[in-house]
């Protein structure tokens, strides 16, 4: 059974930083999975934040470029999202995604709230 467990969310002031983690279990060869972070704010559709391929190539939403960094540790089967210079508009539930062809898996999500 594949499980994705996010952690690291919380309340932070504008301009602050958080690091999200996504620990994956049940995927035989984690390094073959493309990992992604998505977010959904209240009343809005879920949107892609960042992805990192098995080859280490990364893609970011324009709204987070230069502020967020996605990375992975294949030995620990974990993906990370370092979020700096956080803004109130970054407030959302952040969910981890694993694309392990032909299957897609989701974590339960972690709340990030940016507020003074």
C-alpha atoms as a PDB file:
ATOM      1  CA  UNK A   1       0.000   0.000   0.000  1.00  0.00           C
ATOM      2  CA  UNK A   2       1.424   3.356  -1.046  1.00  0.00           C
ATOM      3  CA  UNK A   3       1.296   6.149   1.510  1.00  0.00           C
ATOM      4  CA  UNK A   4       2.382   9.767   1.319  1.00  0.00           C
ATOM      5  CA  UNK A   5       2.677  11.658   4.592  1.00  0.00           C
ATOM      6  CA  UNK A   6       3.152  15.405   4.597  1.00  0.00           C
ATOM      7  CA  UNK A   7       4.510  17.349   7.523  1.00  0.00           C
ATOM      8  CA  UNK A   8       5.888  20.786   8.274  1.00  0.00           C
ATOM      9  CA  UNK A   9       2.836  22.961   7.785  1.00  0.00           C
ATOM     10  CA  UNK A  10       1.726  25.584  10.252  1.00  0.00           C
ATOM     11  CA  UNK A  11       1.209  29.268  10.934  1.00  0.00           C
ATOM     12  CA  UNK A  12       3.912  31.695   9.839  1.00  0.00           C
ATOM     13  CA  UNK A  13       4.157  35.450   9.515  1.00  0.00           C
ATOM     14  CA  UNK A  14       4.502  37.121   6.133  1.00  0.00           C
ATOM     15  CA  UNK A  15       8.106  36.978   5.015  1.00  0.00           C
ATOM     16  CA  UNK A  16       8.746  33.828   6.994  1.00  0.00           C
ATOM     17  CA  UNK A  17       9.767  30.356   5.900  1.00  0.00           C
ATOM     18  CA  UNK A  18       8.506  26.807   6.185  1.00  0.00           C
ATOM     19  CA  UNK A  19       9.807  23.494   4.961  1.00  0.00           C
ATOM     20  CA  UNK A  20       7.312  20.820   3.989  1.00  0.00           C
ATOM     21  CA  UNK A  21       8.247  17.160   3.850  1.00  0.00           C
ATOM     22  CA  UNK A  22       6.541  14.282   2.068  1.00  0.00           C
ATOM     23  CA  UNK A  23       7.593  10.843   3.240  1.00  0.00           C
ATOM     24  CA  UNK A  24       6.676   8.063   0.834  1.00  0.00           C
ATOM     25  CA  UNK A  25       6.239   4.390   1.602  1.00  0.00           C
ATOM     26  CA  UNK A  26       5.167   1.476  -0.529  1.00  0.00           C
ATOM     27  CA  UNK A  27       6.768   2.614  -3.805  1.00  0.00           C
ATOM     28  CA  UNK A  28       9.371   0.073  -4.779  1.00  0.00           C
ATOM     29  CA  UNK A  29      11.691   2.383  -6.692  1.00  0.00           C
ATOM     30  CA  UNK A  30      11.087   5.877  -5.355  1.00  0.00           C
ATOM     31  CA  UNK A  31      13.720   7.381  -7.613  1.00  0.00           C
ATOM     32  CA  UNK A  32      11.507   6.591 -10.623  1.00  0.00           C
ATOM     33  CA  UNK A  33       8.602   8.666  -9.278  1.00  0.00           C
ATOM     34  CA  UNK A  34       7.906  12.227 -10.288  1.00  0.00           C
ATOM     35  CA  UNK A  35       7.062  14.148  -7.127  1.00  0.00           C
ATOM     36  CA  UNK A  36       4.896  17.218  -6.946  1.00  0.00           C
ATOM     37  CA  UNK A  37       3.445  19.713  -4.524  1.00  0.00           C
ATOM     38  CA  UNK A  38      -0.002  21.164  -5.107  1.00  0.00           C
ATOM     39  CA  UNK A  39      -2.085  23.575  -3.069  1.00  0.00           C
ATOM     40  CA  UNK A  40      -5.712  24.502  -2.709  1.00  0.00           C
ATOM     41  CA  UNK A  41      -6.910  27.683  -1.081  1.00  0.00           C
ATOM     42  CA  UNK A  42     -10.493  28.067   0.179  1.00  0.00           C
ATOM     43  CA  UNK A  43     -12.887  28.615  -2.697  1.00  0.00           C
ATOM     44  CA  UNK A  44     -10.206  28.002  -5.320  1.00  0.00           C
ATOM     45  CA  UNK A  45      -9.172  25.124  -7.511  1.00  0.00           C
ATOM     46  CA  UNK A  46      -6.148  23.044  -6.684  1.00  0.00           C
ATOM     47  CA  UNK A  47      -3.050  24.313  -8.439  1.00  0.00           C
ATOM     48  CA  UNK A  48       0.396  22.988  -9.157  1.00  0.00           C
ATOM     49  CA  UNK A  49       3.129  24.524  -7.031  1.00  0.00           C
ATOM     50  CA  UNK A  50       6.213  22.585  -8.088  1.00  0.00           C
ATOM     51  CA  UNK A  51       7.313  19.244  -9.479  1.00  0.00           C
ATOM     52  CA  UNK A  52      10.593  17.380  -9.608  1.00  0.00           C
ATOM     53  CA  UNK A  53      11.160  14.515 -12.014  1.00  0.00           C
ATOM     54  CA  UNK A  54      13.106  11.330 -11.438  1.00  0.00           C
ATOM     55  CA  UNK A  55      15.933  13.037 -13.315  1.00  0.00           C
ATOM     56  CA  UNK A  56      15.905  16.036 -10.996  1.00  0.00           C
ATOM     57  CA  UNK A  57      14.315  18.494 -13.423  1.00  0.00           C
ATOM     58  CA  UNK A  58      12.084  21.021 -11.705  1.00  0.00           C
ATOM     59  CA  UNK A  59       9.086  23.120 -12.682  1.00  0.00           C
ATOM     60  CA  UNK A  60       7.482  25.902 -10.647  1.00  0.00           C
ATOM     61  CA  UNK A  61       4.322  27.931 -10.767  1.00  0.00           C
ATOM     62  CA  UNK A  62       5.088  31.524 -11.721  1.00  0.00           C
ATOM     63  CA  UNK A  63       3.697  32.713  -8.394  1.00  0.00           C
ATOM     64  CA  UNK A  64       6.359  30.851  -6.397  1.00  0.00           C
ATOM     65  CA  UNK A  65       9.429  31.087  -8.646  1.00  0.00           C
ATOM     66  CA  UNK A  66      12.413  32.415  -6.769  1.00  0.00           C
ATOM     67  CA  UNK A  67      10.763  31.805  -3.387  1.00  0.00           C
ATOM     68  CA  UNK A  68      10.065  28.060  -3.256  1.00  0.00           C
ATOM     69  CA  UNK A  69      12.450  25.178  -3.888  1.00  0.00           C
ATOM     70  CA  UNK A  70      11.454  21.568  -4.435  1.00  0.00           C
ATOM     71  CA  UNK A  71      13.954  18.809  -3.745  1.00  0.00           C
ATOM     72  CA  UNK A  72      14.103  15.099  -3.063  1.00  0.00           C
ATOM     73  CA  UNK A  73      16.180  12.592  -1.134  1.00  0.00           C
ATOM     74  CA  UNK A  74      15.810   9.253  -2.881  1.00  0.00           C
ATOM     75  CA  UNK A  75      17.581   7.370  -0.095  1.00  0.00           C
ATOM     76  CA  UNK A  76      15.005   8.632   2.405  1.00  0.00           C
ATOM     77  CA  UNK A  77      12.113   8.382  -0.080  1.00  0.00           C
ATOM     78  CA  UNK A  78      11.188  11.922   0.807  1.00  0.00           C
ATOM     79  CA  UNK A  79      10.355  15.059  -1.157  1.00  0.00           C
ATOM     80  CA  UNK A  80      10.647  18.555   0.259  1.00  0.00           C
ATOM     81  CA  UNK A  81       9.289  22.009  -0.436  1.00  0.00           C
ATOM     82  CA  UNK A  82      11.302  24.873   1.013  1.00  0.00           C
ATOM     83  CA  UNK A  83       9.115  27.960   1.112  1.00  0.00           C
ATOM     84  CA  UNK A  84      10.719  31.349   1.724  1.00  0.00           C
ATOM     85  CA  UNK A  85       9.372  34.905   1.672  1.00  0.00           C
ATOM     86  CA  UNK A  86       5.895  33.594   2.325  1.00  0.00           C
ATOM     87  CA  UNK A  87       2.922  35.769   1.492  1.00  0.00           C
ATOM     88  CA  UNK A  88      -0.671  35.702   2.761  1.00  0.00           C
ATOM     89  CA  UNK A  89      -1.742  34.490  -0.677  1.00  0.00           C
ATOM     90  CA  UNK A  90       0.339  31.347  -0.127  1.00  0.00           C
ATOM     91  CA  UNK A  91      -2.190  30.252   2.498  1.00  0.00           C
ATOM     92  CA  UNK A  92      -3.621  26.901   1.432  1.00  0.00           C
ATOM     93  CA  UNK A  93      -3.669  23.182   2.050  1.00  0.00           C
ATOM     94  CA  UNK A  94      -0.518  21.782   0.477  1.00  0.00           C
ATOM     95  CA  UNK A  95      -0.644  18.234  -0.834  1.00  0.00           C
ATOM     96  CA  UNK A  96       2.094  15.942  -2.014  1.00  0.00           C
ATOM     97  CA  UNK A  97       1.694  13.922  -5.209  1.00  0.00           C
ATOM     98  CA  UNK A  98       3.631  10.960  -6.561  1.00  0.00           C
ATOM     99  CA  UNK A  99       3.403   9.974 -10.200  1.00  0.00           C
ATOM    100  CA  UNK A 100       4.658   6.419 -10.471  1.00  0.00           C
ATOM    101  CA  UNK A 101       3.486   5.433 -13.882  1.00  0.00           C
ATOM    102  CA  UNK A 102       0.783   4.481 -14.485  1.00  0.00           C
ATOM    103  CA  UNK A 103      -0.423   5.360 -10.992  1.00  0.00           C
ATOM    104  CA  UNK A 104      -0.857   8.646  -9.135  1.00  0.00           C
ATOM    105  CA  UNK A 105      -0.877   8.912  -5.381  1.00  0.00           C
ATOM    106  CA  UNK A 106      -1.819  11.749  -3.017  1.00  0.00           C
ATOM    107  CA  UNK A 107      -1.090  12.638   0.557  1.00  0.00           C
ATOM    108  CA  UNK A 108      -3.704  13.945   2.960  1.00  0.00           C
ATOM    109  CA  UNK A 109      -2.429  17.512   2.880  1.00  0.00           C
ATOM    110  CA  UNK A 110      -0.981  19.936   5.388  1.00  0.00           C
ATOM    111  CA  UNK A 111      -2.272  23.410   6.189  1.00  0.00           C
ATOM    112  CA  UNK A 112      -0.043  26.414   5.626  1.00  0.00           C
ATOM    113  CA  UNK A 113      -1.325  29.714   6.960  1.00  0.00           C
ATOM    114  CA  UNK A 114       0.549  32.957   6.369  1.00  0.00           C
ATOM    115  CA  UNK A 115      -0.773  35.694   8.602  1.00  0.00           C
ATOM    116  CA  UNK A 116       0.382  38.381  10.989  1.00  0.00           C
END
